[in-house]
C-alpha atoms as a PDB file:
ATOM      1  CA  MET A   1      98.436  70.807 154.494  1.00  0.00           C
ATOM      2  CA  ARG A   2      98.229  67.740 156.698  1.00  0.00           C
ATOM      3  CA  LEU A   3      98.107  63.901 154.934  1.00  0.00           C
ATOM      4  CA  GLY A   4      95.104  62.204 155.471  1.00  0.00           C
ATOM      5  CA  GLY A   5      94.602  58.837 154.207  1.00  0.00           C
ATOM      6  CA  GLN A   6      97.603  58.251 151.055  1.00  0.00           C
ATOM      7  CA  GLU A   7      96.261  61.850 149.641  1.00  0.00           C
ATOM      8  CA  TYR A   8      97.009  65.440 150.842  1.00  0.00           C
ATOM      9  CA  ILE A   9      94.162  67.416 152.609  1.00  0.00           C
ATOM     10  CA  PHE A  10      94.269  71.104 152.241  1.00  0.00           C
ATOM     11  CA  LYS A  11      93.273  72.647 154.731  1.00  0.00           C
ATOM     12  CA  ILE A  12      91.825  76.710 153.433  1.00  0.00           C
ATOM     13  CA  LYS A  13      90.386  79.453 155.620  1.00  0.00           C
ATOM     14  CA  TYR A  14      88.201  81.492 154.026  1.00  0.00           C
ATOM     15  CA  ASP A  15      88.441  85.227 153.427  1.00  0.00           C
ATOM     16  CA  GLY A  16      86.257  86.163 156.092  1.00  0.00           C
ATOM     17  CA  PHE A  17      85.132  83.683 158.149  1.00  0.00           C
ATOM     18  CA  ARG A  18      86.328  81.421 160.637  1.00  0.00           C
ATOM     19  CA  LYS A  19      85.557  77.964 159.060  1.00  0.00           C
ATOM     20  CA  MET A  20      87.918  76.109 158.053  1.00  0.00           C
ATOM     21  CA  TRP A  21      86.869  73.230 155.435  1.00  0.00           C
ATOM     22  CA  TRP A  22      88.479  70.464 154.377  1.00  0.00           C
ATOM     23  CA  PHE A  23      89.625  69.591 150.317  1.00  0.00           C
ATOM     24  CA  ALA A  24      91.152  67.007 147.910  1.00  0.00           C
ATOM     25  CA  LEU A  25      93.277  69.385 146.046  1.00  0.00           C
ATOM     26  CA  TRP A  26      96.175  67.408 145.373  1.00  0.00           C
ATOM     27  CA  LYS A  27      93.777  65.379 142.664  1.00  0.00           C
ATOM     28  CA  ASN A  28      92.411  68.204 140.900  1.00  0.00           C
ATOM     29  CA  CYS A  29      95.098  69.848 140.649  1.00  0.00           C
ATOM     30  CA  MET A  30      96.987  66.722 139.152  1.00  0.00           C
ATOM     31  CA  ASP A  31      94.013  66.355 136.371  1.00  0.00           C
ATOM     32  CA  SER A  32      94.668  69.931 135.914  1.00  0.00           C
ATOM     33  CA  TYR A  33      91.160  71.085 136.907  1.00  0.00           C
ATOM     34  CA  LEU A  34      93.120  73.306 139.800  1.00  0.00           C
ATOM     35  CA  GLU A  35      96.342  75.727 138.757  1.00  0.00           C
ATOM     36  CA  LEU A  36      98.819  76.545 141.816  1.00  0.00           C
ATOM     37  CA  LEU A  37     100.222  79.555 141.370  1.00  0.00           C
ATOM     38  CA  PRO A  38     103.845  80.845 142.908  1.00  0.00           C
ATOM     39  CA  VAL A  39     103.606  84.567 144.665  1.00  0.00           C
ATOM     40  CA  SER A  40     106.736  86.685 145.040  1.00  0.00           C
ATOM     41  CA  ALA A  41     107.936  89.882 146.457  1.00  0.00           C
ATOM     42  CA  GLU A  42     107.050  91.925 143.255  1.00  0.00           C
ATOM     43  CA  HIS A  43     103.372  91.144 143.666  1.00  0.00           C
ATOM     44  CA  PHE A  44     103.148  92.483 146.569  1.00  0.00           C
ATOM     45  CA  VAL A  45     104.346  96.232 145.799  1.00  0.00           C
ATOM     46  CA  GLY A  46     101.878  99.421 145.398  1.00  0.00           C
ATOM     47  CA  LYS A  47      98.656  96.209 146.499  1.00  0.00           C
ATOM     48  CA  LYS A  48      96.443  97.592 148.516  1.00  0.00           C
ATOM     49  CA  VAL A  49      96.636  95.719 151.622  1.00  0.00           C
ATOM     50  CA  GLU A  50      94.685  94.376 154.539  1.00  0.00           C
ATOM     51  CA  HIS A  51      96.907  93.219 157.772  1.00  0.00           C
ATOM     52  CA  MET A  52      95.421  91.149 160.680  1.00  0.00           C
ATOM     53  CA  PHE A  53      97.478  91.718 164.301  1.00  0.00           C
ATOM     54  CA  VAL A  54      96.406  90.338 167.395  1.00  0.00           C
ATOM     55  CA  SER A  55      95.446  92.765 169.958  1.00  0.00           C
ATOM     56  CA  SER A  56      98.332  91.711 173.352  1.00  0.00           C
ATOM     57  CA  GLU A  57      95.864  93.199 175.445  1.00  0.00           C
ATOM     58  CA  ASP A  58      92.368  91.165 174.666  1.00  0.00           C
ATOM     59  CA  GLY A  59      94.305  88.866 171.776  1.00  0.00           C
ATOM     60  CA  SER A  60      91.259  89.975 169.880  1.00  0.00           C
ATOM     61  CA  GLU A  61      91.496  90.027 165.425  1.00  0.00           C
ATOM     62  CA  CYS A  62      92.254  93.454 163.522  1.00  0.00           C
ATOM     63  CA  TRP A  63      92.427  94.003 160.194  1.00  0.00           C
ATOM     64  CA  TRP A  64      94.629  96.603 159.297  1.00  0.00           C
ATOM     65  CA  PRO A  65      93.736  98.607 155.756  1.00  0.00           C
ATOM     66  CA  GLY A  66      97.608  99.465 154.605  1.00  0.00           C
ATOM     67  CA  ARG A  67      99.562 100.263 151.002  1.00  0.00           C
ATOM     68  CA  VAL A  68     103.343  97.766 150.052  1.00  0.00           C
ATOM     69  CA  VAL A  69     105.744 100.673 149.309  1.00  0.00           C
ATOM     70  CA  ASN A  70     108.893  98.495 148.868  1.00  0.00           C
ATOM     71  CA  VAL A  71     110.646  95.610 148.938  1.00  0.00           C
ATOM     72  CA  ASN A  72     114.354  95.135 150.132  1.00  0.00           C
ATOM     73  CA  ARG A  73     116.853  93.538 147.801  1.00  0.00           C
ATOM     74  CA  THR A  74     116.513  90.135 149.522  1.00  0.00           C
ATOM     75  CA  GLY A  75     112.925  90.093 149.273  1.00  0.00           C
ATOM     76  CA  ASP A  76     111.717  89.526 153.069  1.00  0.00           C
ATOM     77  CA  LEU A  77     111.324  92.409 153.816  1.00  0.00           C
ATOM     78  CA  PHE A  78     108.419  94.408 153.200  1.00  0.00           C
ATOM     79  CA  VAL A  79     107.681  97.960 153.555  1.00  0.00           C
ATOM     80  CA  VAL A  80     104.293  98.626 154.365  1.00  0.00           C
ATOM     81  CA  ASP A  81     102.343 102.073 155.460  1.00  0.00           C
ATOM     82  CA  TYR A  82      99.235 101.526 157.479  1.00  0.00           C
ATOM     83  CA  VAL A  83      96.833 103.852 158.148  1.00  0.00           C
ATOM     84  CA  GLU A  84      94.610 103.747 161.556  1.00  0.00           C
ATOM     85  CA  GLU A  85      91.115 104.621 160.370  1.00  0.00           C
ATOM     86  CA  GLY A  86      89.745 107.826 162.049  1.00  0.00           C
ATOM     87  CA  ASP A  87      93.618 108.649 162.137  1.00  0.00           C
ATOM     88  CA  GLU A  88      95.161 110.856 159.545  1.00  0.00           C
ATOM     89  CA  VAL A  89      98.919 109.979 160.842  1.00  0.00           C
ATOM     90  CA  SER A  90     100.339 107.060 158.692  1.00  0.00           C
ATOM     91  CA  GLY A  91     102.267 103.998 160.251  1.00  0.00           C
ATOM     92  CA  ILE A  92     105.401 103.462 158.104  1.00  0.00           C
ATOM     93  CA  ILE A  93     106.494  99.330 159.459  1.00  0.00           C
ATOM     94  CA  GLU A  94     109.379  97.228 157.712  1.00  0.00           C
ATOM     95  CA  TYR A  95     107.329  94.098 158.474  1.00  0.00           C
ATOM     96  CA  PRO A  96     107.679  90.150 156.324  1.00  0.00           C
ATOM     97  CA  LEU A  97     104.532  90.511 154.682  1.00  0.00           C
ATOM     98  CA  LEU A  98     105.439  86.453 153.387  1.00  0.00           C
ATOM     99  CA  ASP A  99     105.206  85.429 156.386  1.00  0.00           C
ATOM    100  CA  ASP A 100     101.264  85.683 156.982  1.00  0.00           C
ATOM    101  CA  TYR A 101     100.003  85.776 153.611  1.00  0.00           C
ATOM    102  CA  MET A 102     101.478  82.110 154.158  1.00  0.00           C
ATOM    103  CA  ASP A 103      99.861  82.301 157.660  1.00  0.00           C
ATOM    104  CA  ASN A 104      96.377  84.285 154.992  1.00  0.00           C
ATOM    105  CA  GLU A 105      97.327  87.169 157.827  1.00  0.00           C
ATOM    106  CA  VAL A 106      97.199  89.429 154.606  1.00  0.00           C
ATOM    107  CA  ARG A 107      95.390  90.096 152.091  1.00  0.00           C
ATOM    108  CA  ILE A 108      96.179  91.879 148.780  1.00  0.00           C
ATOM    109  CA  VAL A 109      92.792  94.006 148.614  1.00  0.00           C
ATOM    110  CA  ALA A 110      93.187  96.125 145.588  1.00  0.00           C
END
């Protein structure tokens, strides 16, 4: 989000596209055409997610499928069971998903 002129402009990244669009959404929100929904840690538990990681070797982006198993008491660390394609072995990792979700690097799939 940035201030453009006298109104707030929101940057939206669409899932699956690297393009960016700029919309003046604040007026729509104030006119009740758009509703901002709060996201809490409980919304993630039990959900299938895709999480973007950047390769340290070549800098390429890779979306890893996983399932959120649990969240700690403070709501900042999530236990995620990641499964690599073609591999039956999964990796269970504790990760701060909300930060990456706010950066459009986590998608809730189901």
